[in-house]
Amino acid sequence: MRALLVVLGFLGGAAIEVFNTFTRKWTVERMHGAGSVGWIMGALLFRLLGTSVLLLLAFRADPLAGVAALLGYMVSRWVMVWWIHRRVTENNKS
């Protein structure tokens, strides 16, 4: 059971970071006009709430699952940064 919680924690952390990356992209695309502050703050709070709930539930289930969720979050973040960097540099070359 503990191994399952650890795997689920890692996958949950990775999934929440992929979701966060795409919502950040969505927010940046809408950063114009007078009403953009509300969208930015709303999206920020939504991402913060999602990440906090995931980490809270993972650490409550098992400390090792919480660490795995945090590790999944960090690994996914670096993969997403690398992926976006690659896309941007490929688009600039062509």
Protein backbone atom coordinates (compact mmCIF):
# COMPACT_ATOMS: atom_id res chain seq x y z
CA MET A 1 0.00 0.00 0.00
CA ARG A 2 2.83 2.38 0.82
CA ALA A 3 4.44 1.88 -2.59
CA LEU A 4 1.14 2.69 -4.27
CA LEU A 5 0.83 5.91 -2.26
CA VAL A 6 4.36 6.91 -3.21
CA VAL A 7 3.73 6.27 -6.92
CA LEU A 8 0.41 8.11 -6.79
CA GLY A 9 2.06 10.98 -4.96
CA PHE A 10 4.79 11.27 -7.60
CA LEU A 11 2.29 11.10 -10.47
CA GLY A 12 -0.02 13.57 -8.75
CA GLY A 13 2.83 16.02 -8.24
CA ALA A 14 3.85 15.69 -11.87
CA ALA A 15 0.27 16.13 -13.08
CA ILE A 16 -0.38 19.22 -10.98
CA GLU A 17 2.76 20.87 -12.35
CA VAL A 18 1.77 20.13 -15.95
CA PHE A 19 -1.63 21.65 -15.17
CA ASN A 20 0.06 24.66 -13.54
CA THR A 21 2.32 25.20 -16.54
CA PHE A 22 -0.58 25.26 -18.98
CA THR A 23 -2.64 27.58 -16.75
CA ARG A 24 0.36 29.94 -16.50
CA LYS A 25 0.57 29.90 -20.30
CA TRP A 26 -3.17 30.60 -20.51
CA THR A 27 -2.80 33.49 -18.04
CA VAL A 28 0.13 35.06 -19.91
CA GLU A 29 -1.82 34.93 -23.16
CA ARG A 30 -4.59 37.00 -21.56
CA MET A 31 -2.41 39.66 -19.91
CA HIS A 32 -3.83 42.70 -21.68
CA GLY A 33 -6.53 45.15 -20.90
CA ALA A 34 -7.91 46.53 -17.69
CA GLY A 35 -9.43 43.29 -16.40
CA SER A 36 -6.24 41.24 -16.57
CA VAL A 37 -5.34 41.70 -12.88
CA GLY A 38 -8.41 39.75 -11.82
CA TRP A 39 -7.57 36.89 -14.20
CA ILE A 40 -3.95 36.82 -13.05
CA MET A 41 -4.84 36.76 -9.36
CA GLY A 42 -7.61 34.21 -9.88
CA ALA A 43 -5.37 31.86 -11.82
CA LEU A 44 -2.57 32.28 -9.28
CA LEU A 45 -4.87 31.42 -6.39
CA PHE A 46 -6.29 28.45 -8.30
CA ARG A 47 -2.78 27.06 -8.96
CA LEU A 48 -1.70 27.68 -5.38
CA LEU A 49 -4.79 25.99 -4.00
CA GLY A 50 -4.38 22.94 -6.25
CA THR A 51 -0.73 22.48 -5.36
CA SER A 52 -1.38 23.01 -1.65
CA VAL A 53 -4.23 20.51 -1.55
CA LEU A 54 -2.19 17.88 -3.37
CA LEU A 55 0.81 18.27 -1.07
CA LEU A 56 -1.35 18.38 2.04
CA LEU A 57 -3.21 15.19 1.10
CA ALA A 58 0.00 13.41 0.12
CA PHE A 59 1.80 14.31 3.35
CA ARG A 60 -1.24 13.35 5.42
CA ALA A 61 -1.44 9.94 3.73
CA ASP A 62 2.24 9.14 4.23
CA PRO A 63 5.35 11.30 4.67
CA LEU A 64 7.14 9.38 1.93
CA ALA A 65 4.19 9.95 -0.42
CA GLY A 66 4.42 13.67 0.34
CA VAL A 67 8.10 13.73 -0.50
CA ALA A 68 7.35 11.78 -3.69
CA ALA A 69 4.64 14.31 -4.63
CA LEU A 70 7.07 17.17 -4.09
CA LEU A 71 9.72 15.35 -6.10
CA GLY A 72 7.24 14.66 -8.91
CA TYR A 73 6.29 18.33 -8.89
CA MET A 74 9.93 19.46 -9.13
CA VAL A 75 10.91 16.92 -11.82
CA SER A 76 7.86 17.81 -13.88
CA ARG A 77 8.63 21.52 -13.53
CA TRP A 78 12.14 21.08 -14.91
CA VAL A 79 10.89 18.87 -17.73
CA MET A 80 8.28 21.47 -18.65
CA VAL A 81 10.88 24.28 -18.55
CA TRP A 82 13.17 22.24 -20.79
CA TRP A 83 10.28 21.42 -23.16
CA ILE A 84 9.16 25.06 -23.43
CA HIS A 85 12.74 26.24 -23.93
CA ARG A 86 13.18 23.73 -26.75
CA ARG A 87 9.97 24.85 -28.43
CA VAL A 88 10.92 28.52 -28.21
CA THR A 89 14.44 28.00 -29.57
CA GLU A 90 13.12 25.82 -32.42
CA ASN A 91 10.57 28.49 -33.35
CA ASN A 92 13.26 31.20 -33.30
CA LYS A 93 15.52 29.20 -35.62
CA SER A 94 12.93 28.90 -38.35
